[in-house]
Every structure is written in structure tokens, then in C-alpha cells.
């Protein structure tokens, strides 16, 4: 078994704020159902061929942890890159609403 941990800084106050962004980013990185996702409260449980993990929001950061067995352990670099990319996209600051034009 190989352990994997990915940490990404975020200013998000709650997992509810990040949930749709995490789901969309993981779906983009892992299309076709290779990565199963299940929300358990504020914890996202992940599983796939030879892998089990979770994503949680800790103060100031998103943390992904996984245990990788065969065949996932053979693809550690790819998995690390894809999960890391998804977490970075999800953690990006939300765009502030555009200011209304000032009328004179």
C-alpha cells in the first residue's frame, strides 16, 4: 500500500461552498466513472480500482488522503496530478460579482 496526501490552500469557509466545485473538477479529471465519489457530511469519500481516499476541509486548506494498492499504486503520479489539479481548481477564489455601473 502506498499512501498519498495532497494539500491545497483555500480561503473557503465551508465545504458546502466548495462541494459543487470539487464535484465538477473531479468529474472533469476522472470522466467515465473510474473514480467513485460519495459525500458523507462534509467529507468526500473516494474509491477506485485499488484506491480508497477522502477529501476534507481543514482550517485554510483542502486535504486529500488516499491509500493506493494495485493497480492504483502503479499510477500514483497520474492520480496525484489529477487529484491535485482538481483540488487546485476547486480551491481557487470565487470571482467577486461584477460591480454595477454607477449612473450619474
Protein backbone atom coordinates (compact mmCIF):
# COMPACT_ATOMS: atom_id res chain seq x y z
CA UNK A 1 0.00 0.00 0.00
CA UNK A 2 1.19 3.47 -0.88
CA UNK A 3 -0.13 6.49 0.99
CA UNK A 4 -0.82 9.75 -0.77
CA UNK A 5 -1.58 13.17 0.73
CA UNK A 6 -2.33 16.38 -1.18
CA UNK A 7 -2.84 19.76 0.49
CA UNK A 8 -4.15 22.88 -1.26
CA UNK A 9 -4.58 26.29 0.39
CA UNK A 10 -8.08 27.75 0.28
CA UNK A 11 -9.93 30.68 1.76
CA UNK A 12 -13.25 28.83 1.68
CA UNK A 13 -15.22 28.99 4.91
CA UNK A 14 -17.14 25.74 4.45
CA UNK A 15 -17.20 22.55 2.45
CA UNK A 16 -20.69 23.48 1.23
CA UNK A 17 -19.08 26.37 -0.64
CA UNK A 18 -16.59 24.02 -2.30
CA UNK A 19 -18.73 20.93 -2.85
CA UNK A 20 -20.07 21.69 -6.37
CA UNK A 21 -16.64 22.89 -7.48
CA UNK A 22 -14.91 19.75 -6.19
CA UNK A 23 -17.51 17.51 -7.85
CA UNK A 24 -17.17 19.30 -11.20
CA UNK A 25 -13.36 19.32 -11.10
CA UNK A 26 -13.14 15.61 -10.22
CA UNK A 27 -15.68 14.72 -12.93
CA UNK A 28 -13.53 16.56 -15.46
CA UNK A 29 -10.32 14.81 -14.35
CA UNK A 30 -11.92 11.35 -13.99
CA UNK A 31 -14.68 11.01 -16.61
CA UNK A 32 -16.45 7.73 -17.14
CA UNK A 33 -16.85 6.63 -13.54
CA UNK A 34 -13.28 5.48 -12.83
CA UNK A 35 -13.43 7.39 -9.55
CA UNK A 36 -16.46 6.80 -7.35
CA UNK A 37 -17.45 9.74 -5.13
CA UNK A 38 -19.77 9.77 -2.12
CA UNK A 39 -20.38 12.65 0.26
CA UNK A 40 -20.58 11.72 3.93
CA UNK A 41 -21.49 15.03 5.54
CA UNK A 42 -18.56 17.35 4.83
CA UNK A 43 -16.21 14.50 3.89
CA UNK A 44 -15.92 13.32 0.30
CA UNK A 45 -15.17 9.59 0.18
CA UNK A 46 -13.34 8.42 -2.95
CA UNK A 47 -12.77 4.94 -4.32
CA UNK A 48 -11.49 3.39 -7.49
CA UNK A 49 -9.62 0.31 -8.65
CA UNK A 50 -7.14 -0.31 -5.83
CA UNK A 51 -7.67 3.07 -4.15
CA UNK A 52 -9.64 4.49 -1.23
CA UNK A 53 -9.41 8.04 0.00
CA UNK A 54 -11.10 11.16 1.26
CA UNK A 55 -11.11 14.92 0.85
CA UNK A 56 -11.76 17.18 3.84
CA UNK A 57 -11.64 20.89 4.57
CA UNK A 58 -9.23 21.71 7.37
CA UNK A 59 -8.59 25.29 8.52
CA UNK A 60 -7.25 27.12 5.47
CA UNK A 61 -6.72 24.07 3.28
CA UNK A 62 -8.29 21.21 1.38
CA UNK A 63 -6.65 17.90 2.24
CA UNK A 64 -6.87 14.77 0.14
CA UNK A 65 -5.63 11.47 1.55
CA UNK A 66 -5.58 8.08 -0.13
CA UNK A 67 -4.28 4.56 0.27
CA UNK A 68 -3.21 3.13 -3.08
CA UNK A 69 -2.91 -0.58 -3.74
CA UNK A 70 -2.51 -2.35 -7.08
CA UNK A 71 -3.32 -1.26 -9.75
CA UNK A 72 -3.69 2.33 -8.47
CA UNK A 73 -0.22 2.31 -6.85
CA UNK A 74 1.28 1.82 -10.30
CA UNK A 75 -0.39 5.05 -11.43
CA UNK A 76 0.46 7.14 -8.36
CA UNK A 77 1.92 10.04 -10.39
CA UNK A 78 -1.13 10.32 -12.63
CA UNK A 79 -3.54 10.06 -9.69
CA UNK A 80 -1.59 12.64 -7.70
CA UNK A 81 -1.56 15.05 -10.67
CA UNK A 82 -5.29 14.67 -11.40
CA UNK A 83 -6.48 14.94 -7.78
CA UNK A 84 -4.10 17.84 -7.16
CA UNK A 85 -5.32 19.65 -10.25
CA UNK A 86 -8.96 19.14 -9.26
CA UNK A 87 -8.34 20.43 -5.74
CA UNK A 88 -6.45 23.49 -7.01
CA UNK A 89 -9.29 24.35 -9.40
CA UNK A 90 -11.90 23.86 -6.67
CA UNK A 91 -9.92 25.97 -4.18
CA UNK A 92 -9.48 28.97 -6.49
CA UNK A 93 -11.12 32.07 -5.04
CA UNK A 94 -14.67 32.60 -6.20
CA UNK A 95 -14.95 35.54 -8.54
CA UNK A 96 -16.46 38.58 -6.90
CA UNK A 97 -19.71 39.73 -8.51
CA UNK A 98 -19.18 42.47 -11.03
CA UNK A 99 -19.87 45.90 -9.64
CA UNK A 100 -22.94 47.61 -11.02
CA UNK A 101 -22.13 50.59 -13.20
CA UNK A 102 -22.50 53.92 -11.50
CA UNK A 103 -25.08 56.06 -13.16
CA UNK A 104 -24.92 59.81 -12.91
